[in-house]
N, C-alpha and C. Protein backbone atom coordinates (compact mmCIF):
# COMPACT_ATOMS: atom_id res chain seq x y z
N MET A 1 20.72 -0.06 -9.23
CA MET A 1 21.26 -0.19 -7.89
C MET A 1 20.35 0.56 -6.93
N SER A 2 20.10 -0.04 -5.79
CA SER A 2 19.25 0.63 -4.81
C SER A 2 20.08 1.06 -3.61
N GLN A 3 19.52 2.02 -2.90
CA GLN A 3 20.19 2.57 -1.73
C GLN A 3 19.24 2.49 -0.55
N THR A 4 19.60 1.66 0.44
CA THR A 4 18.82 1.59 1.66
C THR A 4 19.12 2.84 2.48
N LEU A 5 18.06 3.48 2.93
CA LEU A 5 18.21 4.72 3.68
C LEU A 5 17.52 4.61 5.03
N PRO A 6 17.99 5.37 6.01
CA PRO A 6 17.30 5.40 7.29
C PRO A 6 15.86 5.88 7.10
N PHE A 7 14.98 5.28 7.86
CA PHE A 7 13.56 5.60 7.79
C PHE A 7 13.31 7.10 7.83
N ALA A 8 13.95 7.81 8.73
CA ALA A 8 13.70 9.24 8.90
C ALA A 8 14.00 10.03 7.62
N GLN A 9 14.96 9.59 6.83
CA GLN A 9 15.30 10.30 5.59
C GLN A 9 14.21 10.15 4.53
N LEU A 10 13.47 9.07 4.56
CA LEU A 10 12.43 8.83 3.56
C LEU A 10 11.06 9.33 3.99
N HIS A 11 10.86 9.52 5.27
CA HIS A 11 9.55 9.83 5.83
C HIS A 11 8.84 11.00 5.15
N ASP A 12 9.45 12.16 5.16
CA ASP A 12 8.78 13.36 4.64
C ASP A 12 8.47 13.25 3.15
N LYS A 13 9.42 12.78 2.38
CA LYS A 13 9.21 12.63 0.94
C LYS A 13 8.12 11.60 0.67
N ALA A 14 8.11 10.52 1.42
CA ALA A 14 7.09 9.48 1.23
C ALA A 14 5.69 10.03 1.51
N LEU A 15 5.53 10.82 2.56
CA LEU A 15 4.22 11.40 2.86
C LEU A 15 3.76 12.34 1.75
N GLU A 16 4.69 13.11 1.22
CA GLU A 16 4.36 14.02 0.12
C GLU A 16 3.89 13.23 -1.11
N ILE A 17 4.61 12.18 -1.45
CA ILE A 17 4.25 11.37 -2.61
C ILE A 17 2.93 10.64 -2.37
N MET A 18 2.76 10.10 -1.17
CA MET A 18 1.56 9.31 -0.87
C MET A 18 0.29 10.13 -1.06
N SER A 19 0.33 11.40 -0.79
CA SER A 19 -0.87 12.23 -0.94
C SER A 19 -1.32 12.30 -2.40
N LYS A 20 -0.42 11.97 -3.33
CA LYS A 20 -0.74 11.97 -4.76
C LYS A 20 -1.04 10.57 -5.28
N GLY A 21 -0.81 9.57 -4.45
CA GLY A 21 -1.08 8.19 -4.81
C GLY A 21 0.17 7.35 -4.89
N CYS A 22 0.04 6.12 -4.42
CA CYS A 22 1.13 5.15 -4.50
C CYS A 22 0.52 3.75 -4.63
N PHE A 23 1.37 2.76 -4.80
CA PHE A 23 0.92 1.40 -5.05
C PHE A 23 1.08 0.54 -3.80
N LEU A 24 -0.01 -0.05 -3.34
CA LEU A 24 0.02 -1.03 -2.26
C LEU A 24 0.02 -2.40 -2.91
N ASN A 25 1.02 -3.20 -2.60
CA ASN A 25 1.20 -4.49 -3.25
C ASN A 25 0.97 -5.64 -2.30
N SER A 26 0.26 -6.66 -2.79
CA SER A 26 -0.03 -7.85 -2.00
C SER A 26 0.23 -9.09 -2.86
N PHE A 27 0.49 -10.21 -2.17
CA PHE A 27 0.81 -11.44 -2.89
C PHE A 27 0.48 -12.62 -1.99
N ALA A 28 -0.27 -13.58 -2.52
CA ALA A 28 -0.57 -14.81 -1.78
C ALA A 28 -1.00 -15.88 -2.77
N GLU A 29 -0.63 -17.10 -2.45
CA GLU A 29 -1.03 -18.27 -3.24
C GLU A 29 -0.70 -18.08 -4.72
N GLY A 30 0.47 -17.49 -5.00
CA GLY A 30 0.91 -17.29 -6.37
C GLY A 30 0.25 -16.15 -7.12
N LYS A 31 -0.57 -15.36 -6.43
CA LYS A 31 -1.28 -14.25 -7.08
C LYS A 31 -0.79 -12.92 -6.53
N PHE A 32 -0.48 -12.00 -7.44
CA PHE A 32 -0.03 -10.65 -7.09
C PHE A 32 -1.14 -9.66 -7.41
N ASN A 33 -1.27 -8.64 -6.58
CA ASN A 33 -2.19 -7.55 -6.88
C ASN A 33 -1.59 -6.25 -6.37
N THR A 34 -1.89 -5.18 -7.07
CA THR A 34 -1.54 -3.84 -6.61
C THR A 34 -2.79 -2.99 -6.66
N MET A 35 -2.86 -2.03 -5.79
CA MET A 35 -3.96 -1.06 -5.82
C MET A 35 -3.41 0.31 -5.45
N THR A 36 -4.08 1.33 -5.92
CA THR A 36 -3.68 2.70 -5.60
C THR A 36 -4.19 3.06 -4.21
N ILE A 37 -3.33 3.66 -3.41
CA ILE A 37 -3.74 4.20 -2.12
C ILE A 37 -3.27 5.64 -2.02
N GLY A 38 -4.01 6.42 -1.27
CA GLY A 38 -3.63 7.79 -0.97
C GLY A 38 -3.79 8.07 0.51
N TRP A 39 -4.40 7.11 1.20
CA TRP A 39 -4.60 7.23 2.64
C TRP A 39 -3.67 6.27 3.34
N GLY A 40 -3.14 6.71 4.44
CA GLY A 40 -2.27 5.89 5.26
C GLY A 40 -1.42 6.79 6.12
N SER A 41 -0.51 6.18 6.83
CA SER A 41 0.39 6.98 7.65
C SER A 41 1.72 6.25 7.80
N ILE A 42 2.72 7.04 8.06
CA ILE A 42 4.06 6.52 8.30
C ILE A 42 4.52 7.15 9.60
N GLY A 43 5.01 6.33 10.51
CA GLY A 43 5.45 6.89 11.78
C GLY A 43 6.10 5.84 12.66
N TRP A 44 6.09 6.13 13.96
CA TRP A 44 6.65 5.24 14.96
C TRP A 44 5.54 4.76 15.86
N MET A 45 5.48 3.46 16.07
CA MET A 45 4.52 2.89 17.00
C MET A 45 5.16 1.64 17.60
N TRP A 46 4.95 1.44 18.88
CA TRP A 46 5.51 0.28 19.57
C TRP A 46 7.03 0.22 19.43
N GLY A 47 7.66 1.38 19.31
CA GLY A 47 9.11 1.45 19.23
C GLY A 47 9.70 1.03 17.90
N ILE A 48 8.86 0.95 16.87
CA ILE A 48 9.35 0.53 15.54
C ILE A 48 8.81 1.48 14.47
N PRO A 49 9.54 1.62 13.36
CA PRO A 49 8.99 2.40 12.25
C PRO A 49 7.87 1.58 11.61
N GLU A 50 6.76 2.24 11.30
CA GLU A 50 5.63 1.50 10.74
C GLU A 50 4.93 2.28 9.65
N PHE A 51 4.31 1.54 8.75
CA PHE A 51 3.54 2.09 7.64
C PHE A 51 2.13 1.52 7.80
N THR A 52 1.15 2.38 7.98
CA THR A 52 -0.23 1.95 8.13
C THR A 52 -0.96 2.18 6.82
N VAL A 53 -1.61 1.13 6.32
CA VAL A 53 -2.40 1.24 5.10
C VAL A 53 -3.84 0.85 5.41
N MET A 54 -4.75 1.43 4.64
CA MET A 54 -6.18 1.17 4.82
C MET A 54 -6.71 0.51 3.55
N VAL A 55 -7.40 -0.61 3.73
CA VAL A 55 -7.93 -1.36 2.59
C VAL A 55 -9.40 -1.67 2.87
N ARG A 56 -10.26 -1.30 1.94
CA ARG A 56 -11.68 -1.59 2.12
C ARG A 56 -11.91 -3.10 2.12
N ARG A 57 -12.91 -3.51 2.90
CA ARG A 57 -13.19 -4.94 3.09
C ARG A 57 -13.56 -5.65 1.80
N THR A 58 -14.05 -4.93 0.81
CA THR A 58 -14.49 -5.55 -0.45
C THR A 58 -13.37 -5.71 -1.47
N ARG A 59 -12.19 -5.22 -1.18
CA ARG A 59 -11.11 -5.20 -2.17
C ARG A 59 -10.39 -6.55 -2.28
N TYR A 60 -9.97 -6.85 -3.50
CA TYR A 60 -9.19 -8.05 -3.77
C TYR A 60 -7.88 -8.02 -2.99
N THR A 61 -7.28 -6.86 -2.88
CA THR A 61 -6.04 -6.71 -2.11
C THR A 61 -6.22 -7.23 -0.70
N ARG A 62 -7.37 -6.94 -0.09
CA ARG A 62 -7.62 -7.40 1.28
C ARG A 62 -7.63 -8.93 1.35
N GLU A 63 -8.23 -9.56 0.35
CA GLU A 63 -8.24 -11.03 0.32
C GLU A 63 -6.82 -11.58 0.39
N LEU A 64 -5.94 -10.99 -0.40
CA LEU A 64 -4.55 -11.46 -0.42
C LEU A 64 -3.82 -11.10 0.87
N MET A 65 -4.07 -9.91 1.40
CA MET A 65 -3.39 -9.48 2.63
C MET A 65 -3.79 -10.34 3.83
N GLU A 66 -4.98 -10.89 3.80
CA GLU A 66 -5.42 -11.76 4.89
C GLU A 66 -4.70 -13.11 4.86
N LYS A 67 -4.06 -13.43 3.74
CA LYS A 67 -3.38 -14.71 3.59
C LYS A 67 -1.86 -14.61 3.70
N ASN A 68 -1.31 -13.41 3.72
CA ASN A 68 0.13 -13.22 3.75
C ASN A 68 0.43 -12.03 4.67
N PRO A 69 1.26 -12.21 5.70
CA PRO A 69 1.51 -11.13 6.66
C PRO A 69 2.49 -10.06 6.18
N PHE A 70 2.78 -10.02 4.89
CA PHE A 70 3.69 -9.02 4.35
C PHE A 70 3.01 -8.21 3.26
N PHE A 71 3.45 -6.96 3.10
CA PHE A 71 3.02 -6.13 1.98
C PHE A 71 4.15 -5.19 1.62
N THR A 72 4.08 -4.63 0.42
CA THR A 72 5.04 -3.61 0.02
C THR A 72 4.28 -2.40 -0.47
N VAL A 73 4.92 -1.25 -0.37
CA VAL A 73 4.36 -0.01 -0.90
C VAL A 73 5.42 0.57 -1.83
N SER A 74 5.02 0.82 -3.07
CA SER A 74 5.91 1.40 -4.08
C SER A 74 5.42 2.79 -4.42
N LEU A 75 6.28 3.78 -4.25
CA LEU A 75 5.90 5.17 -4.44
C LEU A 75 6.60 5.75 -5.67
N PRO A 76 5.82 6.37 -6.56
CA PRO A 76 6.43 7.02 -7.73
C PRO A 76 7.35 8.15 -7.28
N TYR A 77 8.63 7.96 -7.45
CA TYR A 77 9.64 8.92 -6.99
C TYR A 77 10.29 9.54 -8.21
N GLN A 78 10.11 10.84 -8.38
CA GLN A 78 10.67 11.59 -9.51
C GLN A 78 10.20 11.03 -10.86
N ARG A 79 8.94 10.58 -10.89
CA ARG A 79 8.38 10.04 -12.13
C ARG A 79 6.87 10.17 -12.06
N ASP A 80 6.25 10.64 -13.15
CA ASP A 80 4.80 10.75 -13.21
C ASP A 80 4.21 9.39 -13.59
N MET A 81 3.44 8.83 -12.71
CA MET A 81 2.79 7.55 -12.98
C MET A 81 1.28 7.67 -12.80
N SER A 82 0.74 8.88 -13.06
CA SER A 82 -0.67 9.13 -12.82
C SER A 82 -1.58 8.22 -13.64
N LYS A 83 -1.20 7.87 -14.86
CA LYS A 83 -2.03 6.98 -15.68
C LYS A 83 -2.13 5.59 -15.03
N ALA A 84 -0.99 5.04 -14.64
CA ALA A 84 -0.97 3.73 -13.99
C ALA A 84 -1.71 3.76 -12.66
N LEU A 85 -1.52 4.84 -11.89
CA LEU A 85 -2.24 4.97 -10.62
C LEU A 85 -3.74 5.02 -10.86
N GLY A 86 -4.16 5.71 -11.92
CA GLY A 86 -5.59 5.78 -12.25
C GLY A 86 -6.16 4.41 -12.57
N ILE A 87 -5.44 3.63 -13.35
CA ILE A 87 -5.91 2.28 -13.69
C ILE A 87 -5.96 1.40 -12.45
N CYS A 88 -4.91 1.44 -11.65
CA CYS A 88 -4.84 0.57 -10.47
C CYS A 88 -5.79 1.01 -9.36
N GLY A 89 -6.32 2.22 -9.47
CA GLY A 89 -7.29 2.71 -8.49
C GLY A 89 -8.73 2.52 -8.92
N THR A 90 -8.95 2.10 -10.17
CA THR A 90 -10.33 1.95 -10.66
C THR A 90 -10.65 0.55 -11.16
N LYS A 91 -9.66 -0.29 -11.33
CA LYS A 91 -9.87 -1.66 -11.81
C LYS A 91 -9.54 -2.64 -10.70
N SER A 92 -10.20 -3.80 -10.73
CA SER A 92 -9.92 -4.84 -9.74
C SER A 92 -9.08 -5.94 -10.36
N GLY A 93 -8.04 -6.33 -9.66
CA GLY A 93 -7.21 -7.44 -10.09
C GLY A 93 -7.96 -8.76 -10.04
N ARG A 94 -9.08 -8.77 -9.39
CA ARG A 94 -9.95 -9.94 -9.36
C ARG A 94 -10.56 -10.18 -10.74
N ASP A 95 -10.77 -9.07 -11.50
CA ASP A 95 -11.50 -9.13 -12.76
C ASP A 95 -10.64 -8.95 -14.01
N CYS A 96 -9.43 -8.41 -13.87
CA CYS A 96 -8.61 -8.13 -15.05
C CYS A 96 -7.13 -8.12 -14.66
N ASP A 97 -6.28 -8.06 -15.66
CA ASP A 97 -4.84 -7.97 -15.44
C ASP A 97 -4.45 -6.48 -15.40
N LYS A 98 -4.56 -5.91 -14.21
CA LYS A 98 -4.25 -4.48 -14.04
C LYS A 98 -2.81 -4.16 -14.44
N MET A 99 -1.91 -5.06 -14.13
CA MET A 99 -0.51 -4.80 -14.43
C MET A 99 -0.30 -4.59 -15.93
N ALA A 100 -0.92 -5.43 -16.74
CA ALA A 100 -0.79 -5.28 -18.19
C ALA A 100 -1.47 -4.00 -18.66
N LEU A 101 -2.67 -3.73 -18.15
CA LEU A 101 -3.39 -2.51 -18.53
C LEU A 101 -2.60 -1.26 -18.19
N ALA A 102 -1.92 -1.28 -17.05
CA ALA A 102 -1.17 -0.11 -16.58
C ALA A 102 0.26 -0.08 -17.10
N GLY A 103 0.68 -1.13 -17.77
CA GLY A 103 2.06 -1.18 -18.28
C GLY A 103 3.09 -1.31 -17.18
N LEU A 104 2.74 -2.02 -16.11
CA LEU A 104 3.64 -2.16 -14.96
C LEU A 104 4.25 -3.56 -14.92
N LYS A 105 5.42 -3.63 -14.29
CA LYS A 105 6.09 -4.91 -14.07
C LYS A 105 6.54 -4.96 -12.61
N THR A 106 6.69 -6.16 -12.10
CA THR A 106 7.17 -6.33 -10.74
C THR A 106 8.60 -6.85 -10.75
N LYS A 107 9.20 -6.76 -9.58
CA LYS A 107 10.47 -7.44 -9.35
C LYS A 107 10.52 -7.81 -7.88
N PRO A 108 11.36 -8.77 -7.52
CA PRO A 108 11.39 -9.22 -6.13
C PRO A 108 11.78 -8.10 -5.16
N ALA A 109 11.14 -8.12 -4.01
CA ALA A 109 11.54 -7.23 -2.93
C ALA A 109 12.84 -7.79 -2.33
N LYS A 110 13.50 -6.99 -1.50
CA LYS A 110 14.76 -7.42 -0.91
C LYS A 110 14.57 -8.39 0.25
N LYS A 111 13.54 -8.15 1.09
CA LYS A 111 13.43 -8.91 2.34
C LYS A 111 12.09 -9.62 2.55
N VAL A 112 11.06 -9.27 1.82
CA VAL A 112 9.75 -9.89 2.04
C VAL A 112 9.29 -10.62 0.78
N SER A 113 8.24 -11.40 0.92
CA SER A 113 7.75 -12.24 -0.18
C SER A 113 6.88 -11.51 -1.19
N VAL A 114 6.53 -10.26 -0.92
CA VAL A 114 5.66 -9.51 -1.82
C VAL A 114 6.52 -8.66 -2.76
N PRO A 115 6.37 -8.83 -4.08
CA PRO A 115 7.17 -8.04 -5.02
C PRO A 115 6.89 -6.53 -4.92
N ILE A 116 7.78 -5.77 -5.54
CA ILE A 116 7.62 -4.31 -5.66
C ILE A 116 7.31 -3.98 -7.12
N ILE A 117 6.82 -2.77 -7.36
CA ILE A 117 6.59 -2.30 -8.72
C ILE A 117 7.91 -1.76 -9.26
N ASP A 118 8.38 -2.35 -10.33
CA ASP A 118 9.65 -1.94 -10.93
C ASP A 118 9.52 -0.54 -11.52
N GLY A 119 10.53 0.28 -11.30
CA GLY A 119 10.58 1.60 -11.91
C GLY A 119 9.89 2.71 -11.14
N THR A 120 9.32 2.40 -9.98
CA THR A 120 8.66 3.47 -9.23
C THR A 120 9.66 4.30 -8.44
N GLY A 121 10.68 3.66 -7.90
CA GLY A 121 11.76 4.40 -7.28
C GLY A 121 11.89 4.32 -5.78
N MET A 122 10.79 4.42 -5.03
CA MET A 122 10.86 4.37 -3.57
C MET A 122 10.00 3.21 -3.09
N HIS A 123 10.56 2.43 -2.16
CA HIS A 123 9.84 1.23 -1.71
C HIS A 123 9.93 1.06 -0.20
N PHE A 124 8.84 0.56 0.35
CA PHE A 124 8.78 0.16 1.75
C PHE A 124 8.34 -1.29 1.79
N GLU A 125 9.09 -2.11 2.50
CA GLU A 125 8.74 -3.51 2.69
C GLU A 125 8.28 -3.67 4.13
N CYS A 126 7.10 -4.27 4.31
CA CYS A 126 6.47 -4.27 5.62
C CYS A 126 5.96 -5.65 6.03
N GLU A 127 5.95 -5.86 7.35
CA GLU A 127 5.37 -7.05 7.95
C GLU A 127 4.23 -6.61 8.86
N VAL A 128 3.06 -7.17 8.67
CA VAL A 128 1.90 -6.78 9.47
C VAL A 128 2.13 -7.20 10.92
N VAL A 129 2.02 -6.21 11.82
CA VAL A 129 2.16 -6.48 13.25
C VAL A 129 0.83 -6.29 13.98
N TYR A 130 -0.13 -5.66 13.31
CA TYR A 130 -1.46 -5.46 13.89
C TYR A 130 -2.41 -5.11 12.77
N LYS A 131 -3.65 -5.54 12.90
CA LYS A 131 -4.69 -5.14 11.95
C LYS A 131 -5.99 -4.99 12.72
N GLN A 132 -6.84 -4.11 12.19
CA GLN A 132 -8.12 -3.88 12.86
C GLN A 132 -9.15 -3.41 11.85
N ASP A 133 -10.33 -4.02 11.92
CA ASP A 133 -11.46 -3.54 11.14
C ASP A 133 -12.01 -2.29 11.80
N MET A 134 -12.43 -1.34 10.99
CA MET A 134 -13.03 -0.12 11.53
C MET A 134 -14.33 -0.45 12.25
N ASP A 135 -14.59 0.23 13.33
CA ASP A 135 -15.85 0.12 14.07
C ASP A 135 -16.66 1.37 13.75
N SER A 136 -17.71 1.22 12.97
CA SER A 136 -18.49 2.37 12.52
C SER A 136 -19.10 3.16 13.68
N SER A 137 -19.34 2.51 14.81
CA SER A 137 -19.94 3.21 15.95
C SER A 137 -18.97 4.21 16.57
N LEU A 138 -17.69 4.10 16.25
CA LEU A 138 -16.69 5.00 16.81
C LEU A 138 -16.27 6.10 15.84
N LEU A 139 -16.86 6.11 14.66
CA LEU A 139 -16.48 7.07 13.62
C LEU A 139 -17.34 8.33 13.71
N ALA A 140 -16.70 9.48 13.57
CA ALA A 140 -17.43 10.76 13.59
C ALA A 140 -18.50 10.75 12.50
N PRO A 141 -19.70 11.22 12.80
CA PRO A 141 -20.80 11.20 11.83
C PRO A 141 -20.48 11.87 10.50
N GLU A 142 -19.73 12.97 10.52
CA GLU A 142 -19.43 13.65 9.26
C GLU A 142 -18.51 12.80 8.37
N LEU A 143 -17.62 12.02 8.98
CA LEU A 143 -16.77 11.12 8.19
C LEU A 143 -17.57 9.93 7.68
N GLN A 144 -18.45 9.44 8.51
CA GLN A 144 -19.33 8.34 8.10
C GLN A 144 -20.12 8.75 6.85
N LYS A 145 -20.70 9.94 6.90
CA LYS A 145 -21.53 10.42 5.79
C LYS A 145 -20.69 10.66 4.53
N LYS A 146 -19.51 11.24 4.70
CA LYS A 146 -18.68 11.60 3.55
C LYS A 146 -18.01 10.40 2.88
N TRP A 147 -17.50 9.45 3.68
CA TRP A 147 -16.66 8.39 3.12
C TRP A 147 -17.25 6.99 3.17
N TYR A 148 -18.30 6.78 3.96
CA TYR A 148 -18.79 5.42 4.16
C TYR A 148 -20.31 5.29 4.04
N SER A 149 -20.90 6.08 3.18
CA SER A 149 -22.36 6.02 3.03
C SER A 149 -22.83 4.65 2.54
N ASN A 150 -21.94 3.90 1.90
CA ASN A 150 -22.30 2.55 1.43
C ASN A 150 -21.84 1.46 2.40
N ASN A 151 -21.34 1.85 3.56
CA ASN A 151 -20.89 0.93 4.61
C ASN A 151 -19.73 0.03 4.18
N ASP A 152 -18.91 0.47 3.25
CA ASP A 152 -17.74 -0.28 2.81
C ASP A 152 -16.52 0.22 3.59
N TYR A 153 -16.38 -0.29 4.80
CA TYR A 153 -15.35 0.18 5.73
C TYR A 153 -13.98 -0.40 5.42
N HIS A 154 -12.98 0.20 6.01
CA HIS A 154 -11.60 -0.23 5.84
C HIS A 154 -11.16 -1.20 6.94
N THR A 155 -10.17 -1.99 6.61
CA THR A 155 -9.35 -2.68 7.58
C THR A 155 -8.02 -1.93 7.58
N MET A 156 -7.51 -1.64 8.76
CA MET A 156 -6.23 -0.95 8.87
C MET A 156 -5.14 -1.98 9.18
N TYR A 157 -4.09 -1.95 8.38
CA TYR A 157 -2.96 -2.85 8.55
C TYR A 157 -1.76 -2.02 8.98
N TYR A 158 -1.20 -2.36 10.13
CA TYR A 158 -0.02 -1.68 10.65
C TYR A 158 1.18 -2.56 10.31
N GLY A 159 2.05 -2.06 9.44
CA GLY A 159 3.19 -2.85 9.00
C GLY A 159 4.50 -2.32 9.54
N LYS A 160 5.23 -3.20 10.22
CA LYS A 160 6.60 -2.85 10.63
C LYS A 160 7.43 -2.71 9.36
N ILE A 161 8.11 -1.59 9.21
CA ILE A 161 8.96 -1.38 8.04
C ILE A 161 10.25 -2.18 8.24
N VAL A 162 10.42 -3.21 7.41
CA VAL A 162 11.62 -4.05 7.52
C VAL A 162 12.71 -3.61 6.55
N ASP A 163 12.33 -2.83 5.54
CA ASP A 163 13.32 -2.24 4.64
C ASP A 163 12.67 -1.06 3.93
N ALA A 164 13.47 -0.05 3.64
CA ALA A 164 13.01 1.14 2.91
C ALA A 164 14.17 1.62 2.06
N TYR A 165 13.90 1.89 0.78
CA TYR A 165 15.00 2.25 -0.11
C TYR A 165 14.51 2.98 -1.35
N ILE A 166 15.46 3.64 -1.99
CA ILE A 166 15.23 4.32 -3.26
C ILE A 166 16.11 3.62 -4.29
N GLU A 167 15.53 3.38 -5.46
CA GLU A 167 16.32 2.77 -6.54
C GLU A 167 16.67 3.83 -7.57
């Protein structure tokens, strides 16, 4: 059984968990993919609760996100999933079955077309309301050097949170 909670009640715990890694889920044309993320933000923008995720342009997840305006984020809540996060952060769903390697299963989300990771505990269902490719000319040189020496920049997806809950 899941419990839908007000956004504000999940915010602080979600940020704490996200710093250790969580699963960004995408789905399009019958294909599902998850990847580990540790960067992003949760807050209020344009008068709505939103979850911002960053996906490098070379990632398979980005291919799927460009075809479907929805995504989900599944956060390990009161459960150590470091092994699965490690696999999903180093393997590409383009090349292998990450879900099988990581021992993960999906189940339908409540309101959007992108499934959630079963057993993680905390979920955000989001609809993309804005996206933007990073402009390297606007990035501080020290960040450019540290994170983008190979020029593999992120696309930022701003998702309106349409549901948030703990199972």
